[in-house]
């Protein structure tokens, strides 16, 4: 066999991955060339520039070591799901009057969430412990209300918080006060909220005994179309396998083009056959990668569009 014989080599000009993050969604974007190139075996294999960068993050996720503080006893006013006396100030009545305001306007009622209730209780205890009344704890600037929600493993698409403190006597007084405040009213009447947790606690703040009321609103993450993590794993696996195929082909090419090679024509023929098999495998993997990435990107776009519509 003649060494400078032409061989069919299919080259794909680059396998690229780019990730961007929108509202906790992940997107992979791949650019490929559909060119099929006929070339001599001595030409170098087009470089496979593969970088798969997956950023997985949660909104407001932090790990904080709490300092030791002296705390006044906090009395939690436990919700009674059988409450019929609406004059009582407890979290059950906070939920009742909140939903009453929503139903008056034709909005869906909010469902009780145990996770959001626990986060609201934790936020209230933190405010009493550090003697503050705000959405962010003075103990750490990253310790927003979302920190407490995140600690309860509540996966969300959107969350918000309402706070009230003072000498309130009824739940209706509290909800009325929020409804007279534009920002708090907006949270109560946000049409897409689905779940709520509330806390009513009493303790001392700056020397006075006060009632602290916390509302946490949430849209659970599963309210939006899911993004397949298994597909992402498949993309990563294909990327790794394609990289190995490229390396195999590159190593074979070096042997084929070695200047002082003592290979017989028969041996060279066989080596070139193995080389072209590796190239075909590589291109097949690229095709799979392209298909999977397109589907994954479509899922991410639907998720991102859903999240954007909720903000």
Protein backbone atom coordinates (compact mmCIF):
# COMPACT_ATOMS: atom_id res chain seq x y z
CA UNK A 1 0.00 0.00 0.00
CA UNK A 2 1.23 3.47 -0.82
CA UNK A 3 1.79 5.69 2.28
CA UNK A 4 0.41 8.89 0.77
CA UNK A 5 -2.88 7.26 -0.14
CA UNK A 6 -5.94 9.39 0.58
CA UNK A 7 -8.16 8.29 3.46
CA UNK A 8 -11.59 9.43 4.47
CA UNK A 9 -11.49 11.21 7.83
CA UNK A 10 -14.56 12.85 9.28
CA UNK A 11 -13.65 15.80 11.44
CA UNK A 12 -15.99 17.74 13.68
CA UNK A 13 -14.66 21.23 14.22
CA UNK A 14 -14.90 21.65 17.94
CA UNK A 15 -17.05 20.46 20.77
CA UNK A 16 -17.82 23.33 23.10
CA UNK A 17 -19.91 23.75 26.21
CA UNK A 18 -20.91 26.98 27.82
CA UNK A 19 -22.96 27.22 30.97
CA UNK A 20 -25.00 30.10 32.23
CA UNK A 21 -27.15 30.42 35.29
CA UNK A 22 -30.52 32.11 35.48
CA UNK A 23 -32.72 31.85 38.54
CA UNK A 24 -31.24 28.56 39.66
CA UNK A 25 -31.50 27.05 36.18
CA UNK A 26 -28.60 25.56 34.31
CA UNK A 27 -28.03 25.89 30.59
CA UNK A 28 -25.54 24.18 28.32
CA UNK A 29 -24.88 25.66 24.95
CA UNK A 30 -22.96 23.72 22.32
CA UNK A 31 -21.59 24.93 19.00
CA UNK A 32 -20.71 22.42 16.31
CA UNK A 33 -19.66 22.41 12.71
CA UNK A 34 -21.56 20.10 10.39
CA UNK A 35 -18.70 20.12 7.87
CA UNK A 36 -17.45 16.77 6.65
CA UNK A 37 -13.81 17.10 5.64
CA UNK A 38 -11.80 14.83 3.38
CA UNK A 39 -8.13 15.10 4.17
CA UNK A 40 -4.79 13.35 4.06
CA UNK A 41 -3.87 11.26 7.06
CA UNK A 42 -0.93 13.53 7.77
CA UNK A 43 -3.24 16.42 8.64
CA UNK A 44 -3.72 16.99 12.34
CA UNK A 45 -6.94 16.06 14.04
CA UNK A 46 -8.96 19.17 14.77
CA UNK A 47 -8.58 20.06 18.43
CA UNK A 48 -11.41 19.05 20.69
CA UNK A 49 -11.87 22.03 22.97
CA UNK A 50 -14.09 20.55 25.62
CA UNK A 51 -14.91 22.30 28.83
CA UNK A 52 -17.97 21.29 30.80
CA UNK A 53 -18.52 23.75 33.60
CA UNK A 54 -21.59 23.01 35.66
CA UNK A 55 -22.53 25.56 38.28
CA UNK A 56 -25.02 24.23 40.78
CA UNK A 57 -26.08 26.78 43.26
CA UNK A 58 -28.92 27.55 45.53
CA UNK A 59 -30.20 31.01 46.24
CA UNK A 60 -28.89 32.43 49.50
CA UNK A 61 -27.20 29.22 50.61
CA UNK A 62 -24.86 29.81 53.53
CA UNK A 63 -23.32 27.91 56.38
CA UNK A 64 -22.91 30.04 59.48
CA UNK A 65 -21.64 29.16 62.93
CA UNK A 66 -23.88 30.83 65.45
CA UNK A 67 -22.20 32.81 68.26
CA UNK A 68 -23.18 32.13 71.81
CA UNK A 69 -25.69 34.73 73.00
CA UNK A 70 -27.76 35.33 76.08
CA UNK A 71 -31.41 34.89 75.15
CA UNK A 72 -34.62 35.86 76.89
CA UNK A 73 -37.17 33.04 76.91
CA UNK A 74 -39.31 33.07 73.78
CA UNK A 75 -42.90 31.95 73.97
CA UNK A 76 -44.17 30.53 70.74
CA UNK A 77 -47.89 30.88 70.20
CA UNK A 78 -48.60 27.51 68.63
CA UNK A 79 -51.14 27.37 65.80
CA UNK A 80 -54.38 25.59 66.51
CA UNK A 81 -55.76 24.18 63.28
CA UNK A 82 -59.16 23.93 64.93
CA UNK A 83 -59.25 27.60 65.89
CA UNK A 84 -62.74 29.04 65.61
CA UNK A 85 -62.19 32.16 67.70
CA UNK A 86 -60.74 34.58 65.17
CA UNK A 87 -59.92 37.14 67.85
CA UNK A 88 -56.99 35.01 69.04
CA UNK A 89 -53.55 36.09 67.88
CA UNK A 90 -51.88 32.94 66.59
CA UNK A 91 -50.36 31.73 63.33
CA UNK A 92 -53.53 29.87 62.34
CA UNK A 93 -55.49 33.12 62.39
CA UNK A 94 -52.69 34.97 60.59
CA UNK A 95 -53.11 32.42 57.79
CA UNK A 96 -56.90 32.73 57.94
CA UNK A 97 -56.99 36.52 57.56
CA UNK A 98 -54.24 36.45 54.92
CA UNK A 99 -56.27 34.03 52.82
CA UNK A 100 -59.39 36.07 53.47
CA UNK A 101 -57.76 39.07 51.80
CA UNK A 102 -56.80 36.88 48.83
CA UNK A 103 -60.23 35.33 48.37
CA UNK A 104 -61.84 38.78 48.45
CA UNK A 105 -59.88 39.49 45.27
CA UNK A 106 -60.40 36.17 43.57
CA UNK A 107 -56.94 34.82 44.33
CA UNK A 108 -56.14 31.25 45.31
CA UNK A 109 -55.72 30.58 49.01
CA UNK A 110 -52.26 29.75 50.33
CA UNK A 111 -51.51 26.30 51.70
CA UNK A 112 -49.86 25.81 55.07
CA UNK A 113 -46.19 24.78 54.80
CA UNK A 114 -44.51 23.18 57.80
CA UNK A 115 -41.07 24.08 56.41
CA UNK A 116 -41.97 27.74 55.97
CA UNK A 117 -43.49 27.77 59.46
CA UNK A 118 -40.27 26.38 60.94
CA UNK A 119 -38.22 28.98 59.05
CA UNK A 120 -40.52 31.75 60.28
CA UNK A 121 -40.11 30.52 63.86
CA UNK A 122 -36.33 30.37 63.47
CA UNK A 123 -36.25 33.91 62.06
CA UNK A 124 -38.33 35.21 64.95
CA UNK A 125 -36.06 33.57 67.53
CA UNK A 126 -33.03 35.07 65.80
CA UNK A 127 -34.53 38.57 65.96
CA UNK A 128 -35.14 38.22 69.69
CA UNK A 129 -31.68 36.72 70.24
CA UNK A 130 -29.86 39.54 68.44
CA UNK A 131 -32.39 42.27 69.29
CA UNK A 132 -33.22 43.48 65.80
CA UNK A 133 -36.24 43.94 63.56
CA UNK A 134 -35.19 43.61 59.92
CA UNK A 135 -34.96 41.18 57.02
CA UNK A 136 -31.22 40.64 57.57
CA UNK A 137 -29.58 39.60 60.84
CA UNK A 138 -26.89 41.90 62.27
CA UNK A 139 -24.95 38.75 63.21
CA UNK A 140 -24.05 38.23 59.54
CA UNK A 141 -24.89 40.30 56.46
CA UNK A 142 -25.48 37.11 54.48
CA UNK A 143 -28.04 35.88 56.99
CA UNK A 144 -31.14 37.08 55.19
CA UNK A 145 -34.60 35.63 55.75
CA UNK A 146 -33.82 33.24 52.89
CA UNK A 147 -31.07 31.73 55.03
CA UNK A 148 -33.70 30.42 57.45
CA UNK A 149 -35.86 29.11 54.61
CA UNK A 150 -32.89 27.42 52.99
CA UNK A 151 -32.00 25.77 56.31
CA UNK A 152 -35.35 23.98 56.18
CA UNK A 153 -34.47 22.53 52.75
CA UNK A 154 -37.35 24.38 51.12
CA UNK A 155 -36.61 24.41 47.38
CA UNK A 156 -38.18 27.52 45.97
CA UNK A 157 -38.71 29.48 42.82
CA UNK A 158 -39.63 32.63 44.74
CA UNK A 159 -39.94 33.62 48.42
CA UNK A 160 -40.70 36.71 50.46
CA UNK A 161 -41.14 37.77 54.07
CA UNK A 162 -43.50 40.00 56.04
CA UNK A 163 -42.62 41.16 59.55
CA UNK A 164 -44.64 42.83 62.29
CA UNK A 165 -43.77 43.68 65.90
CA UNK A 166 -45.61 45.50 68.65
CA UNK A 167 -48.50 45.20 71.05
CA UNK A 168 -50.98 43.64 68.63
CA UNK A 169 -53.99 41.94 70.18
CA UNK A 170 -55.56 40.12 67.22
CA UNK A 171 -54.40 38.51 64.00
CA UNK A 172 -56.74 40.74 62.03
CA UNK A 173 -54.96 43.83 63.37
CA UNK A 174 -51.66 42.46 62.10
CA UNK A 175 -52.97 41.59 58.64
CA UNK A 176 -54.74 44.95 58.38
CA UNK A 177 -51.46 46.71 59.19
CA UNK A 178 -49.69 44.77 56.43
CA UNK A 179 -52.49 45.50 53.97
CA UNK A 180 -52.02 49.22 54.62
CA UNK A 181 -48.33 48.93 53.64
CA UNK A 182 -47.74 48.66 49.86
CA UNK A 183 -44.81 46.24 50.01
CA UNK A 184 -46.42 43.92 52.58
CA UNK A 185 -49.73 44.08 50.73
CA UNK A 186 -47.95 43.09 47.52
CA UNK A 187 -46.59 39.94 49.19
CA UNK A 188 -50.00 38.96 50.56
CA UNK A 189 -51.69 39.48 47.20
CA UNK A 190 -48.98 38.13 44.89
CA UNK A 191 -51.10 35.83 42.71
CA UNK A 192 -48.53 33.09 42.14
CA UNK A 193 -47.67 32.37 45.76
CA UNK A 194 -48.82 28.91 46.75
CA UNK A 195 -47.56 28.26 50.28
CA UNK A 196 -47.16 30.14 53.53
CA UNK A 197 -45.71 29.69 56.97
CA UNK A 198 -46.29 31.99 59.93
CA UNK A 199 -44.88 32.48 63.40
CA UNK A 200 -46.27 34.38 66.38
CA UNK A 201 -43.91 34.67 69.36
CA UNK A 202 -43.60 36.88 72.42
CA UNK A 203 -40.42 37.91 74.20
CA UNK A 204 -38.47 41.00 75.17
CA UNK A 205 -37.12 43.53 72.69
CA UNK A 206 -35.08 46.45 74.01
CA UNK A 207 -36.54 45.93 77.46
CA UNK A 208 -40.19 45.68 76.39
CA UNK A 209 -42.36 42.61 76.01
CA UNK A 210 -43.59 42.49 72.41
CA UNK A 211 -45.26 40.16 69.97
CA UNK A 212 -43.23 39.24 66.87
CA UNK A 213 -45.09 38.03 63.79
CA UNK A 214 -43.29 36.58 60.77
CA UNK A 215 -44.78 35.45 57.47
CA UNK A 216 -42.82 33.44 54.90
CA UNK A 217 -44.35 33.07 51.44
CA UNK A 218 -43.14 30.60 48.84
CA UNK A 219 -43.53 29.22 45.36
CA UNK A 220 -42.01 25.74 45.46
CA UNK A 221 -39.42 24.97 42.84
CA UNK A 222 -41.51 22.15 41.41
CA UNK A 223 -44.05 24.76 40.31
CA UNK A 224 -41.85 25.16 37.24
CA UNK A 225 -40.95 22.46 34.67
CA UNK A 226 -38.13 20.27 35.89
CA UNK A 227 -34.65 20.05 34.37
CA UNK A 228 -33.31 16.52 33.98
CA UNK A 229 -30.23 15.97 36.10
CA UNK A 230 -29.79 12.51 34.58
CA UNK A 231 -29.51 14.09 31.15
CA UNK A 232 -26.83 16.41 32.47
CA UNK A 233 -24.95 13.37 33.78
CA UNK A 234 -25.23 11.75 30.34
CA UNK A 235 -23.80 14.89 28.72
CA UNK A 236 -20.87 14.82 31.12
CA UNK A 237 -20.26 11.13 30.41
CA UNK A 238 -20.37 11.67 26.64
CA UNK A 239 -17.96 14.59 26.98
CA UNK A 240 -15.45 12.42 28.84
CA UNK A 241 -15.76 9.55 26.38
CA UNK A 242 -15.34 11.91 23.42
CA UNK A 243 -12.17 13.26 24.99
CA UNK A 244 -10.76 9.74 25.28
CA UNK A 245 -11.61 8.99 21.66
CA UNK A 246 -9.87 12.16 20.57
CA UNK A 247 -6.76 11.23 22.54
CA UNK A 248 -6.75 7.74 21.07
CA UNK A 249 -6.97 9.13 17.55
CA UNK A 250 -4.22 11.68 18.22
CA UNK A 251 -1.88 8.98 19.56
CA UNK A 252 -2.53 6.79 16.52
CA UNK A 253 -1.87 9.71 14.19
CA UNK A 254 1.54 10.23 15.76
CA UNK A 255 2.42 6.61 15.08
CA UNK A 256 1.16 6.82 11.50
CA UNK A 257 3.10 10.00 10.76
CA UNK A 258 6.28 9.04 12.62
CA UNK A 259 9.17 10.04 10.25
CA UNK A 260 11.26 6.96 10.94
CA UNK A 261 8.44 4.47 11.11
CA UNK A 262 9.35 0.93 10.10
CA UNK A 263 5.73 -0.09 9.69
CA UNK A 264 4.91 -2.28 6.74
CA UNK A 265 2.18 -1.20 4.39
CA UNK A 266 -0.04 -3.88 5.88
CA UNK A 267 0.61 -2.69 9.42
CA UNK A 268 0.08 0.93 8.37
CA UNK A 269 -3.18 -0.05 6.71
CA UNK A 270 -4.36 -1.66 9.91
CA UNK A 271 -3.30 1.31 12.04
CA UNK A 272 -5.14 3.74 9.77
CA UNK A 273 -8.25 1.57 10.03
CA UNK A 274 -8.11 1.77 13.81
CA UNK A 275 -7.56 5.53 13.55
CA UNK A 276 -10.61 6.06 11.35
CA UNK A 277 -12.69 3.87 13.70
CA UNK A 278 -11.70 6.17 16.56
CA UNK A 279 -12.68 9.22 14.49
CA UNK A 280 -16.07 7.72 13.65
CA UNK A 281 -16.68 6.97 17.33
CA UNK A 282 -15.71 10.52 18.22
CA UNK A 283 -18.11 11.99 15.67
CA UNK A 284 -20.90 9.72 16.85
CA UNK A 285 -20.35 10.94 20.40
CA UNK A 286 -20.39 14.55 19.20
CA UNK A 287 -23.72 13.90 17.50
CA UNK A 288 -25.14 12.46 20.73
CA UNK A 289 -23.74 15.39 22.66
CA UNK A 290 -25.39 17.84 20.30
CA UNK A 291 -28.75 16.08 20.57
CA UNK A 292 -28.68 15.81 24.36
CA UNK A 293 -27.49 19.41 24.78
CA UNK A 294 -30.31 20.71 22.60
CA UNK A 295 -32.89 18.86 24.70
CA UNK A 296 -31.25 19.97 27.95
CA UNK A 297 -31.15 23.59 26.78
CA UNK A 298 -34.82 23.39 25.88
CA UNK A 299 -35.67 22.19 29.38
CA UNK A 300 -33.58 24.94 30.96
CA UNK A 301 -35.21 27.62 28.82
CA UNK A 302 -38.68 26.48 29.87
CA UNK A 303 -37.58 26.53 33.51
CA UNK A 304 -35.96 29.96 33.20
CA UNK A 305 -38.99 31.39 31.40
CA UNK A 306 -41.22 30.08 34.18
CA UNK A 307 -39.01 31.63 36.86
CA UNK A 308 -38.94 34.97 35.04
CA UNK A 309 -42.73 34.97 34.83
CA UNK A 310 -42.91 34.65 38.62
CA UNK A 311 -40.82 37.77 39.26
